[in-house]
Amino acid sequence: MARIAKELGIWKHSLSYHFSSKKDLLIVVYPEKVKEEVAFNKDFFESRKHMPAKNLIYDFLKETQVRFHAMPNVAFLQAMSFKAPAEVSD
């Protein structure tokens, strides 16, 4: 929790006041990030529905690569899709 608080620029105590554990934090943050990515994906595909499938998939993969490097949320979701951190696994 100390590392998370430091990266957020807040005191660990402030973070711990709202979330007693990493698991509690993840339970709140993860669904929000999934919702954001689902909305992005819907918009992406809706705005390009006229494109041939091959081009659409290629553009989506390129965009995913850019977003992975530019947006920590995307990298976080991709990592979480394979295995949750030990701290939050039951």
Protein backbone atom coordinates (compact mmCIF):
# COMPACT_ATOMS: atom_id res chain seq x y z
CA MET A 1 0.00 0.00 0.00
CA ALA A 2 2.94 2.33 0.70
CA ARG A 3 4.14 2.08 -2.90
CA ILE A 4 0.66 2.74 -4.27
CA ALA A 5 0.23 5.76 -2.01
CA LYS A 6 3.64 7.09 -3.04
CA GLU A 7 2.81 6.75 -6.75
CA LEU A 8 -0.47 8.55 -6.13
CA GLY A 9 1.33 11.30 -4.25
CA ILE A 10 -0.61 10.75 -1.04
CA TRP A 11 0.20 9.45 2.43
CA LYS A 12 -0.20 5.73 3.05
CA HIS A 13 -2.45 6.59 5.99
CA SER A 14 -4.79 8.49 3.65
CA LEU A 15 -5.04 5.51 1.32
CA SER A 16 -5.48 3.08 4.21
CA TYR A 17 -8.30 5.21 5.57
CA HIS A 18 -10.36 4.40 2.47
CA PHE A 19 -9.03 0.92 1.66
CA SER A 20 -7.88 -1.55 4.28
CA SER A 21 -6.02 -3.74 1.78
CA LYS A 22 -4.88 -4.00 -1.82
CA LYS A 23 -7.73 -6.39 -2.40
CA ASP A 24 -10.29 -3.81 -1.25
CA LEU A 25 -8.69 -1.23 -3.54
CA LEU A 26 -8.73 -3.63 -6.48
CA ILE A 27 -12.39 -4.47 -5.92
CA VAL A 28 -13.22 -0.80 -6.48
CA VAL A 29 -10.70 0.12 -9.18
CA TYR A 30 -10.85 -2.94 -11.44
CA PRO A 31 -14.55 -2.71 -12.45
CA GLU A 32 -14.13 1.01 -13.20
CA LYS A 33 -11.17 0.35 -15.50
CA VAL A 34 -12.96 -2.52 -17.22
CA LYS A 35 -15.96 -0.26 -17.83
CA GLU A 36 -13.70 2.41 -19.38
CA GLU A 37 -12.05 -0.12 -21.69
CA VAL A 38 -15.35 -1.67 -22.75
CA ALA A 39 -16.60 1.81 -23.66
CA PHE A 40 -13.43 2.51 -25.63
CA ASN A 41 -13.72 -0.80 -27.50
CA LYS A 42 -17.38 -0.21 -28.35
CA ASP A 43 -16.61 3.28 -29.66
CA PHE A 44 -13.58 2.07 -31.57
CA PHE A 45 -15.44 -0.69 -33.40
CA GLU A 46 -18.62 1.33 -33.90
CA SER A 47 -16.73 4.20 -35.52
CA ARG A 48 -14.96 1.80 -37.90
CA LYS A 49 -17.74 -0.64 -38.72
CA HIS A 50 -17.43 0.23 -42.40
CA MET A 51 -13.81 -1.01 -42.57
CA PRO A 52 -12.84 -4.44 -43.88
CA ALA A 53 -12.27 -6.88 -41.00
CA LYS A 54 -8.56 -7.31 -41.75
CA ASN A 55 -7.93 -3.56 -41.58
CA LEU A 56 -10.12 -3.19 -38.52
CA ILE A 57 -8.24 -5.85 -36.59
CA TYR A 58 -4.89 -4.43 -37.66
CA ASP A 59 -5.90 -0.92 -36.54
CA PHE A 60 -7.22 -2.26 -33.26
CA LEU A 61 -3.98 -4.10 -32.52
CA LYS A 62 -1.94 -1.00 -33.36
CA GLU A 63 -4.15 1.12 -31.12
CA THR A 64 -3.90 -1.43 -28.32
CA GLN A 65 -0.11 -1.35 -28.54
CA VAL A 66 -0.05 2.45 -28.35
CA ARG A 67 -2.52 2.48 -25.46
CA PHE A 68 -0.57 -0.24 -23.63
CA HIS A 69 2.53 1.97 -23.56
CA ALA A 70 0.78 5.31 -23.05
CA MET A 71 -1.93 4.37 -20.57
CA PRO A 72 -1.09 2.42 -17.40
CA ASN A 73 -4.73 1.30 -17.12
CA VAL A 74 -4.47 -0.72 -20.32
CA ALA A 75 -1.29 -2.47 -19.21
CA PHE A 76 -2.90 -3.11 -15.81
CA LEU A 77 -5.98 -4.72 -17.35
CA GLN A 78 -3.92 -6.87 -19.68
CA ALA A 79 -1.77 -8.09 -16.80
CA MET A 80 -4.84 -8.74 -14.64
CA SER A 81 -6.49 -10.75 -17.39
CA PHE A 82 -3.83 -13.44 -16.96
CA LYS A 83 -3.35 -13.58 -13.20
CA ALA A 84 -4.31 -11.46 -10.23
CA PRO A 85 -1.48 -10.41 -7.92
CA ALA A 86 -0.79 -12.76 -5.01
CA GLU A 87 -2.01 -10.12 -2.55
CA VAL A 88 -5.53 -10.32 -3.92
CA SER A 89 -5.79 -13.98 -4.86
CA ASP A 90 -7.95 -16.14 -2.63
